[in-house]
Protein backbone atom coordinates (compact mmCIF):
# COMPACT_ATOMS: atom_id res chain seq x y z
CA MET A 1 22.39 -14.23 1.29
CA LYS A 2 20.42 -15.01 4.37
CA THR A 3 22.06 -17.46 6.66
CA HIS A 4 20.40 -20.16 8.95
CA TYR A 5 23.53 -21.89 10.59
CA ASP A 6 26.35 -20.41 12.53
CA PHE A 7 29.82 -20.92 11.28
CA ASP A 8 31.35 -18.37 13.19
CA GLY A 9 30.71 -19.98 16.61
CA ILE A 10 33.63 -21.58 18.37
CA ILE A 11 33.10 -24.99 19.99
CA THR A 12 36.05 -26.43 22.17
CA ARG A 13 37.11 -29.86 20.85
CA SER A 14 40.07 -30.43 23.11
CA GLY A 15 39.44 -33.12 25.49
CA THR A 16 37.01 -35.05 23.31
CA ASN A 17 39.56 -37.64 22.02
CA SER A 18 39.87 -35.56 18.83
CA LEU A 19 42.46 -36.62 16.47
CA LYS A 20 42.73 -33.10 15.43
CA TRP A 21 43.04 -31.33 18.76
CA ASP A 22 44.10 -33.80 21.15
CA SER A 23 47.04 -35.61 19.42
CA SER A 24 49.49 -32.86 19.10
CA LYS A 25 52.32 -33.97 21.48
CA ARG A 26 51.93 -37.54 20.34
CA ILE A 27 52.33 -36.85 16.58
CA THR A 28 54.55 -33.66 16.50
CA GLY A 29 56.28 -33.50 19.77
CA PHE A 30 54.84 -30.05 20.50
CA ASP A 31 52.12 -29.06 22.85
CA ALA A 32 49.16 -27.00 22.30
CA LEU A 33 49.53 -26.30 18.62
CA LEU A 34 46.52 -24.65 16.89
CA PRO A 35 45.73 -27.52 14.50
CA LEU A 36 44.79 -26.66 10.75
CA TRP A 37 45.92 -29.87 9.37
CA VAL A 38 43.73 -33.00 9.21
CA ALA A 39 40.65 -32.92 7.03
CA ASP A 40 37.70 -32.58 9.35
CA MET A 41 35.63 -29.29 10.06
CA ASP A 42 35.59 -27.37 13.24
CA PHE A 43 31.79 -26.83 12.49
CA GLU A 44 29.03 -28.79 14.28
CA ALA A 45 26.87 -30.93 12.06
CA PRO A 46 23.41 -29.36 11.41
CA PRO A 47 20.41 -29.98 13.80
CA GLU A 48 18.79 -31.91 10.78
CA ILE A 49 21.43 -34.59 11.52
CA ARG A 50 21.93 -34.21 15.25
CA GLU A 51 18.09 -34.45 16.12
CA PRO A 52 17.75 -37.95 14.34
CA LEU A 53 20.74 -38.98 16.07
CA ALA A 54 19.61 -38.01 19.43
CA ARG A 55 16.45 -40.03 18.88
CA ARG A 56 18.58 -42.97 18.02
CA VAL A 57 20.58 -42.51 21.22
CA GLN A 58 17.43 -42.33 23.29
CA HIS A 59 16.34 -45.68 22.16
CA GLY A 60 19.12 -47.03 24.26
CA ILE A 61 19.98 -50.29 22.38
CA TYR A 62 22.89 -50.10 20.09
CA GLY A 63 23.18 -53.73 18.79
CA TYR A 64 24.27 -55.26 15.46
CA THR A 65 22.85 -52.94 12.65
CA VAL A 66 22.38 -53.00 9.06
CA GLU A 67 21.60 -50.26 6.70
CA PRO A 68 17.85 -49.79 5.94
CA GLU A 69 16.58 -49.56 2.26
CA SER A 70 15.86 -45.82 3.08
CA TYR A 71 19.51 -45.36 3.43
CA PHE A 72 20.30 -46.28 -0.14
CA GLN A 73 17.29 -44.52 -1.30
CA ALA A 74 18.37 -41.38 0.17
CA ALA A 75 21.83 -41.85 -1.39
CA GLY A 76 20.40 -42.31 -4.83
CA LEU A 77 18.28 -39.33 -4.39
CA TRP A 78 21.19 -37.13 -3.35
CA LEU A 79 23.30 -38.29 -6.32
CA GLU A 80 20.53 -37.64 -8.63
CA ARG A 81 19.36 -34.23 -7.41
CA ARG A 82 22.96 -32.98 -6.44
CA HIS A 83 25.06 -34.37 -9.26
CA GLY A 84 22.60 -35.56 -11.95
CA TRP A 85 23.58 -39.09 -11.79
CA THR A 86 20.86 -41.88 -11.86
CA VAL A 87 22.10 -44.83 -9.78
CA LYS A 88 20.06 -48.17 -9.57
CA ARG A 89 19.78 -49.37 -6.03
CA GLU A 90 21.38 -52.84 -7.02
CA TRP A 91 24.67 -50.93 -7.92
CA MET A 92 25.09 -49.85 -4.34
CA LEU A 93 27.00 -51.67 -1.78
CA ALA A 94 27.51 -50.31 1.90
CA SER A 95 30.83 -50.16 3.55
CA PRO A 96 32.21 -48.82 6.80
CA GLY A 97 34.18 -46.23 5.14
CA VAL A 98 35.74 -45.13 1.95
CA ILE A 99 39.22 -46.31 2.80
CA PRO A 100 38.17 -49.77 3.97
CA CYS A 101 36.29 -50.15 0.76
CA LEU A 102 39.24 -48.95 -1.12
CA SER A 103 41.31 -51.69 0.70
CA ALA A 104 38.67 -54.22 -0.13
CA ALA A 105 38.46 -53.25 -3.84
CA ILE A 106 42.50 -53.58 -4.11
CA LEU A 107 41.98 -57.12 -2.87
CA ALA A 108 39.02 -58.04 -4.79
CA LEU A 109 40.07 -56.65 -8.14
CA THR A 110 43.88 -56.92 -8.30
CA GLY A 111 46.30 -59.89 -7.43
CA PRO A 112 49.67 -59.83 -5.74
CA GLY A 113 52.09 -58.03 -7.64
CA ASP A 114 49.70 -56.24 -9.89
CA GLY A 115 50.35 -52.51 -10.69
CA ILE A 116 47.99 -49.74 -9.45
CA VAL A 117 48.36 -46.14 -10.52
CA ILE A 118 48.09 -43.17 -8.36
CA GLN A 119 48.66 -39.55 -9.28
CA PRO A 120 50.76 -37.75 -6.57
CA PRO A 121 50.86 -35.55 -4.70
CA VAL A 122 47.59 -37.24 -3.61
CA TYR A 123 45.94 -38.59 -0.37
CA HIS A 124 48.71 -40.68 1.17
CA PRO A 125 46.75 -43.78 2.32
CA PHE A 126 46.40 -44.70 -1.28
CA ALA A 127 49.90 -45.76 -1.63
CA MET A 128 49.84 -47.29 1.92
CA ARG A 129 46.94 -49.66 1.10
CA ILE A 130 48.55 -50.58 -2.22
CA SER A 131 51.89 -51.48 -1.05
CA GLY A 132 50.43 -52.93 2.38
CA ASN A 133 48.43 -55.30 0.17
CA GLY A 134 51.20 -56.56 -1.78
CA ARG A 135 50.43 -54.55 -4.99
CA ARG A 136 52.97 -52.24 -6.83
CA VAL A 137 52.51 -48.45 -6.66
CA MET A 138 52.81 -46.93 -9.91
CA GLU A 139 53.13 -43.20 -9.89
CA ASN A 140 51.94 -40.84 -12.56
CA PRO A 141 52.61 -37.42 -10.78
CA LEU A 142 50.44 -34.41 -11.69
CA LEU A 143 51.96 -31.70 -13.90
CA LEU A 144 52.09 -28.10 -12.64
CA SER A 145 51.47 -25.65 -15.24
CA GLY A 146 51.72 -22.16 -13.75
CA ALA A 147 49.41 -22.57 -10.79
CA ARG A 148 47.27 -25.12 -12.23
CA TRP A 149 47.68 -28.87 -11.65
CA GLU A 150 46.87 -31.08 -14.56
CA ILE A 151 46.81 -34.84 -15.35
CA ASP A 152 49.91 -36.04 -17.25
CA PHE A 153 48.11 -38.11 -20.05
CA GLU A 154 51.12 -38.75 -21.77
CA GLY A 155 52.85 -39.97 -18.62
CA LEU A 156 50.01 -42.13 -17.98
CA GLU A 157 50.41 -44.04 -21.26
CA ARG A 158 53.98 -44.56 -20.30
CA VAL A 159 53.49 -45.85 -16.85
CA ILE A 160 50.73 -48.30 -17.64
CA ASP A 161 52.43 -51.77 -18.27
CA PRO A 162 50.90 -55.22 -18.96
CA GLY A 163 50.64 -55.96 -15.11
CA THR A 164 48.58 -52.61 -14.28
CA ARG A 165 45.07 -53.49 -13.29
CA MET A 166 43.79 -50.41 -11.57
CA LEU A 167 43.96 -46.64 -11.40
CA ILE A 168 42.84 -44.87 -8.18
CA LEU A 169 41.29 -41.48 -8.91
CA CYS A 170 40.98 -38.82 -6.45
CA SER A 171 38.03 -36.55 -7.41
CA PRO A 172 37.98 -33.91 -6.48
CA HIS A 173 41.80 -34.08 -5.90
CA ASN A 174 43.16 -33.89 -2.49
CA PRO A 175 45.51 -32.06 -1.77
CA VAL A 176 45.63 -30.07 -4.91
CA GLY A 177 41.98 -28.77 -4.95
CA ARG A 178 41.27 -29.58 -8.53
CA VAL A 179 37.86 -30.35 -9.80
CA TRP A 180 38.43 -32.30 -12.99
CA THR A 181 36.67 -31.31 -16.01
CA ARG A 182 34.49 -33.59 -18.21
CA GLU A 183 36.98 -33.46 -20.80
CA GLU A 184 39.82 -34.50 -18.55
CA LEU A 185 37.84 -37.44 -17.33
CA GLU A 186 36.86 -38.58 -20.61
CA ARG A 187 40.52 -38.61 -21.68
CA LEU A 188 41.42 -40.52 -18.53
CA VAL A 189 38.48 -42.96 -19.20
CA GLU A 190 39.60 -43.57 -22.79
CA ILE A 191 43.17 -44.52 -21.87
CA CYS A 192 42.18 -46.64 -18.94
CA ALA A 193 39.62 -48.47 -21.24
CA ARG A 194 41.96 -49.02 -24.13
CA ARG A 195 44.62 -50.38 -21.53
CA GLY A 196 42.24 -52.75 -19.48
CA VAL A 197 42.66 -50.70 -16.35
CA VAL A 198 39.70 -50.51 -13.75
CA ILE A 199 39.09 -47.13 -12.15
CA VAL A 200 38.43 -46.78 -8.46
CA SER A 201 37.15 -43.22 -7.97
CA ASP A 202 37.43 -41.83 -4.39
CA GLU A 203 34.79 -38.98 -4.61
CA ILE A 204 34.40 -38.41 -0.87
CA HIS A 205 34.92 -34.61 -1.52
CA PHE A 206 32.30 -34.86 -4.20
CA ASP A 207 29.97 -32.31 -2.72
CA LEU A 208 32.69 -29.79 -1.67
CA VAL A 209 32.99 -27.90 -4.77
CA MET A 210 33.53 -23.95 -4.86
CA PRO A 211 31.24 -21.75 -6.98
CA GLY A 212 31.70 -21.76 -10.54
CA PHE A 213 32.82 -25.53 -10.64
CA ARG A 214 30.86 -28.71 -11.04
CA HIS A 215 31.91 -32.21 -9.81
CA VAL A 216 31.22 -34.75 -12.63
CA PRO A 217 31.21 -38.51 -11.34
CA VAL A 218 33.33 -40.22 -13.71
CA ALA A 219 31.04 -43.28 -13.77
CA CYS A 220 28.23 -41.16 -15.35
CA LEU A 221 30.33 -40.10 -18.40
CA SER A 222 29.29 -43.06 -20.60
CA ALA A 223 28.10 -46.69 -20.51
CA GLU A 224 31.63 -47.80 -20.93
CA ALA A 225 32.82 -45.57 -17.87
CA SER A 226 30.19 -46.72 -15.71
CA ARG A 227 30.96 -50.48 -16.42
CA MET A 228 34.56 -49.95 -15.55
CA THR A 229 34.34 -47.79 -12.54
CA VAL A 230 33.99 -48.37 -8.63
CA THR A 231 33.02 -45.09 -7.18
CA LEU A 232 33.24 -44.36 -3.60
CA ILE A 233 31.28 -41.68 -1.73
CA ALA A 234 30.20 -40.83 1.55
CA ALA A 235 28.28 -38.18 3.76
CA THR A 236 31.00 -38.16 6.26
CA LYS A 237 33.46 -35.54 4.75
CA THR A 238 30.63 -33.14 3.48
CA PHE A 239 28.78 -33.16 6.90
CA ASN A 240 31.70 -33.70 9.27
CA LEU A 241 30.71 -37.05 10.20
CA ALA A 242 34.07 -38.81 9.83
CA GLY A 243 34.04 -40.26 13.41
CA LEU A 244 30.75 -42.20 12.69
CA GLY A 245 32.01 -43.71 9.47
CA GLY A 246 29.91 -45.37 6.66
CA SER A 247 30.03 -45.09 2.93
CA VAL A 248 28.57 -46.34 -0.44
CA ALA A 249 30.22 -47.98 -3.14
CA VAL A 250 28.60 -47.67 -6.84
CA VAL A 251 29.43 -50.44 -9.03
CA GLU A 252 27.28 -51.03 -12.04
CA ASP A 253 29.37 -54.16 -13.53
CA PRO A 254 27.75 -57.24 -11.88
CA GLU A 255 31.22 -59.15 -11.70
CA LEU A 256 33.00 -56.48 -10.07
CA ARG A 257 30.31 -55.73 -7.72
CA LYS A 258 30.08 -59.38 -6.80
CA ARG A 259 33.75 -59.67 -6.11
CA LEU A 260 33.91 -56.54 -4.06
CA ASP A 261 30.97 -57.65 -1.99
CA ALA A 262 32.49 -60.95 -1.45
CA THR A 263 35.79 -59.42 -0.26
CA GLN A 264 34.07 -56.98 2.11
CA HIS A 265 32.32 -59.98 3.96
CA SER A 266 35.56 -61.97 3.90
CA VAL A 267 37.12 -59.37 5.98
CA PHE A 268 33.86 -58.67 8.09
CA ALA A 269 33.33 -55.35 6.77
CA GLY A 270 29.68 -55.48 6.07
CA LEU A 271 27.99 -54.62 9.36
CA ALA A 272 27.02 -50.78 9.99
CA ASN A 273 27.97 -48.58 12.90
CA ALA A 274 24.55 -47.97 14.80
CA PHE A 275 24.71 -44.26 14.12
CA ALA A 276 26.39 -43.89 10.61
CA ALA A 277 23.31 -44.76 8.68
CA THR A 278 21.07 -42.58 10.56
CA ALA A 279 23.39 -39.79 10.27
CA SER A 280 24.11 -39.97 6.53
CA GLU A 281 20.45 -40.71 5.76
CA ALA A 282 19.45 -37.45 7.53
CA ALA A 283 22.32 -35.67 5.68
CA TRP A 284 21.32 -36.67 2.31
CA ARG A 285 17.76 -35.96 3.04
CA HIS A 286 17.82 -32.67 4.92
CA GLY A 287 21.27 -31.39 4.65
CA GLU A 288 21.33 -29.40 1.40
CA ARG A 289 20.58 -26.01 2.85
CA TRP A 290 23.49 -26.30 5.43
CA LEU A 291 25.85 -27.54 2.70
CA ASP A 292 24.98 -24.55 0.31
CA GLU A 293 25.97 -22.17 3.27
CA LEU A 294 28.96 -24.14 4.32
CA LEU A 295 30.33 -23.71 0.65
CA VAL A 296 29.97 -20.08 0.92
CA TYR A 297 31.56 -19.82 3.96
CA VAL A 298 34.50 -21.79 3.11
CA GLU A 299 34.94 -19.90 -0.23
CA ALA A 300 34.91 -16.78 1.61
CA ASN A 301 37.66 -18.38 4.03
CA TYR A 302 39.60 -19.09 0.93
CA ARG A 303 39.31 -15.43 -0.37
CA PHE A 304 40.33 -14.24 3.26
CA THR A 305 43.37 -16.43 3.29
CA ALA A 306 44.46 -15.47 -0.18
CA SER A 307 44.18 -11.83 0.63
CA PHE A 308 46.14 -12.30 3.71
CA PHE A 309 49.09 -13.95 2.04
CA ALA A 310 49.18 -11.40 -0.77
CA GLY A 311 49.51 -8.42 1.80
CA ARG A 312 51.33 -10.04 4.56
CA LEU A 313 53.33 -12.78 3.21
CA PRO A 314 53.52 -12.66 -0.70
CA ALA A 315 56.38 -15.12 -0.74
CA VAL A 316 53.87 -17.83 0.09
CA ARG A 317 51.63 -18.72 -2.95
CA ILE A 318 48.37 -20.13 -2.31
CA PHE A 319 46.91 -22.40 -5.22
CA PRO A 320 43.51 -21.78 -6.76
CA LEU A 321 40.83 -23.79 -4.78
CA GLU A 322 38.28 -25.49 -7.06
CA GLY A 323 37.11 -28.17 -4.58
CA THR A 324 37.65 -29.66 -1.01
CA TYR A 325 38.18 -27.24 1.91
CA LEU A 326 41.81 -27.63 1.86
CA ALA A 327 44.11 -24.64 0.75
CA LEU A 328 47.58 -25.73 -0.57
CA LEU A 329 50.34 -23.34 0.07
CA ASP A 330 53.51 -23.17 -1.87
CA MET A 331 56.40 -22.22 0.37
CA ARG A 332 59.37 -23.09 -1.94
CA SER A 333 60.43 -19.58 -2.57
CA LEU A 334 61.35 -19.34 1.13
CA GLY A 335 64.49 -21.43 0.46
CA LEU A 336 63.82 -23.57 3.52
CA THR A 337 63.74 -27.27 3.69
CA ASP A 338 60.39 -29.02 4.60
CA ASP A 339 61.83 -29.84 8.08
CA GLN A 340 62.81 -26.20 8.63
CA VAL A 341 59.26 -25.01 7.36
CA SER A 342 57.51 -27.39 9.78
CA ASP A 343 59.75 -26.71 12.73
CA ARG A 344 59.29 -22.85 12.36
CA LEU A 345 55.48 -23.15 11.94
CA ARG A 346 55.17 -25.27 15.12
CA ARG A 347 58.04 -23.93 17.33
CA VAL A 348 57.74 -20.21 16.51
CA GLY A 349 54.08 -19.87 15.18
CA GLY A 350 52.31 -22.72 17.44
CA VAL A 351 50.36 -23.85 14.51
CA TRP A 352 50.11 -27.24 12.77
CA LEU A 353 49.64 -27.73 8.98
CA ASP A 354 49.77 -30.84 7.02
CA GLU A 355 53.21 -31.24 5.09
CA GLY A 356 53.02 -31.55 1.45
CA ARG A 357 55.62 -34.22 1.13
CA LYS A 358 53.39 -36.86 2.83
CA PHE A 359 51.21 -36.71 -0.10
CA GLY A 360 54.26 -37.98 -2.27
CA ARG A 361 55.98 -36.56 -5.33
CA GLY A 362 55.27 -33.07 -6.17
CA GLY A 363 54.32 -32.21 -2.66
CA GLN A 364 57.87 -31.14 -1.45
CA GLY A 365 57.91 -27.41 -0.35
CA LEU A 366 54.04 -27.32 -0.07
CA GLN A 367 51.72 -27.23 3.07
CA ARG A 368 48.21 -27.76 3.35
CA LEU A 369 45.78 -25.49 5.47
CA ASN A 370 42.28 -26.55 6.58
CA LEU A 371 39.92 -23.71 5.81
CA ALA A 372 36.91 -25.51 7.59
CA CYS A 373 36.93 -23.51 10.70
CA PRO A 374 35.52 -20.19 12.11
CA ARG A 375 37.02 -17.21 10.68
CA ALA A 376 38.60 -16.15 14.07
CA VAL A 377 40.33 -19.48 14.14
CA LEU A 378 41.57 -19.13 10.64
CA SER A 379 42.72 -15.54 11.32
CA ASP A 380 44.69 -16.61 14.49
CA GLY A 381 46.29 -19.56 12.54
CA LEU A 382 47.23 -17.19 9.65
CA GLU A 383 48.99 -14.55 12.10
CA ARG A 384 50.75 -17.54 13.38
CA VAL A 385 52.04 -18.66 9.98
CA ALA A 386 53.19 -15.03 9.41
CA ARG A 387 55.05 -14.85 12.78
CA ALA A 388 56.67 -18.17 11.95
CA LEU A 389 57.74 -17.42 8.42
CA SER A 390 58.16 -13.59 7.90
CA SER A 391 61.76 -13.72 9.04
CA ALA A 392 62.49 -16.40 6.42
CA VAL A 393 61.34 -14.15 3.29
CA PRO A 394 64.24 -13.42 1.21
CA SER A 395 65.09 -9.68 1.12
CA ALA A 396 64.46 -7.70 -2.15
CA PRO A 397 67.59 -6.87 -4.06
CA PRO A 398 68.83 -3.25 -4.09
CA GLY A 399 66.50 -1.11 -6.09
CA GLY A 400 63.98 -3.83 -6.46
């Protein structure tokens, strides 16, 4: 495949107020760790995005900003072209980000004490936003069948009670890397529809799908699914624009949309970052070739990582990656506690991964590794992991 973009180039991010690179001492207590944790990339955004941003900077005035109609048009065209989902303009609401919009949805569509279902191990701000807004966190943990994570549909039927109002879906799922199939999503919708539960679907990773898999927006499954779903999307994760923010909520049902819009305005979440709309619109209109090359590179990084552990540290199992750029590592066979693993990684290896336990039940003994970095950085990180953990590998029994 002919490439047009350089994903191997190393760009120094230290000293840029980067959460990933400049907060090691504050968060972990260790200096100068190689950070392979938080979900942003070490790749620069493509020139197709940087050039429109530069023109916006040159204008010199960065006052209160609103999203232009061309922004929503670009989002709609992207959804149709990339995901086969036709979305009407009136269904779309702008938001400063997926998590602020998730918080607004919780406030708008549930009441104090209502139950909201999540499926851990899952992106930890879900539980924080639920409990922080006075709602009940209701857990339906994923099932691990061999190396494959699955939705526990029987468990979901049990956990939903008369006070359950919402299910927050992570699709594709962070951190387990699943891309839910149409059949899985249809069964989920059927249960939620029958039990009167609204689905808020965080689909921020929707473009980050490995070869051989296809993301299905839950709202496009049927007319019923569309009416009962609030879908949250953004260009930020796909194109490494998280520091700019900006997202879109797709809500067909007029009443749900009205309530969400009113809540966003009540907390003054309606005005755009002066650069977010420019960057996202440019990404959706002109970023497809960059994304296609990115996915090839990330998938190759995954294969490189899987081969590394198979050859150098087979006691660490890597789960299959269907979506996101985040590899989930199973370190339970080492016989170490989570604290011992993290301490070895940081103190001995000088490398910083995300602890699986932060994602809730089912995450104990796991670590999440960010694959969205140049191959040389990834290779250095893997060597550090091996250095930290090789001495902890259980010895083979005699004759084994």
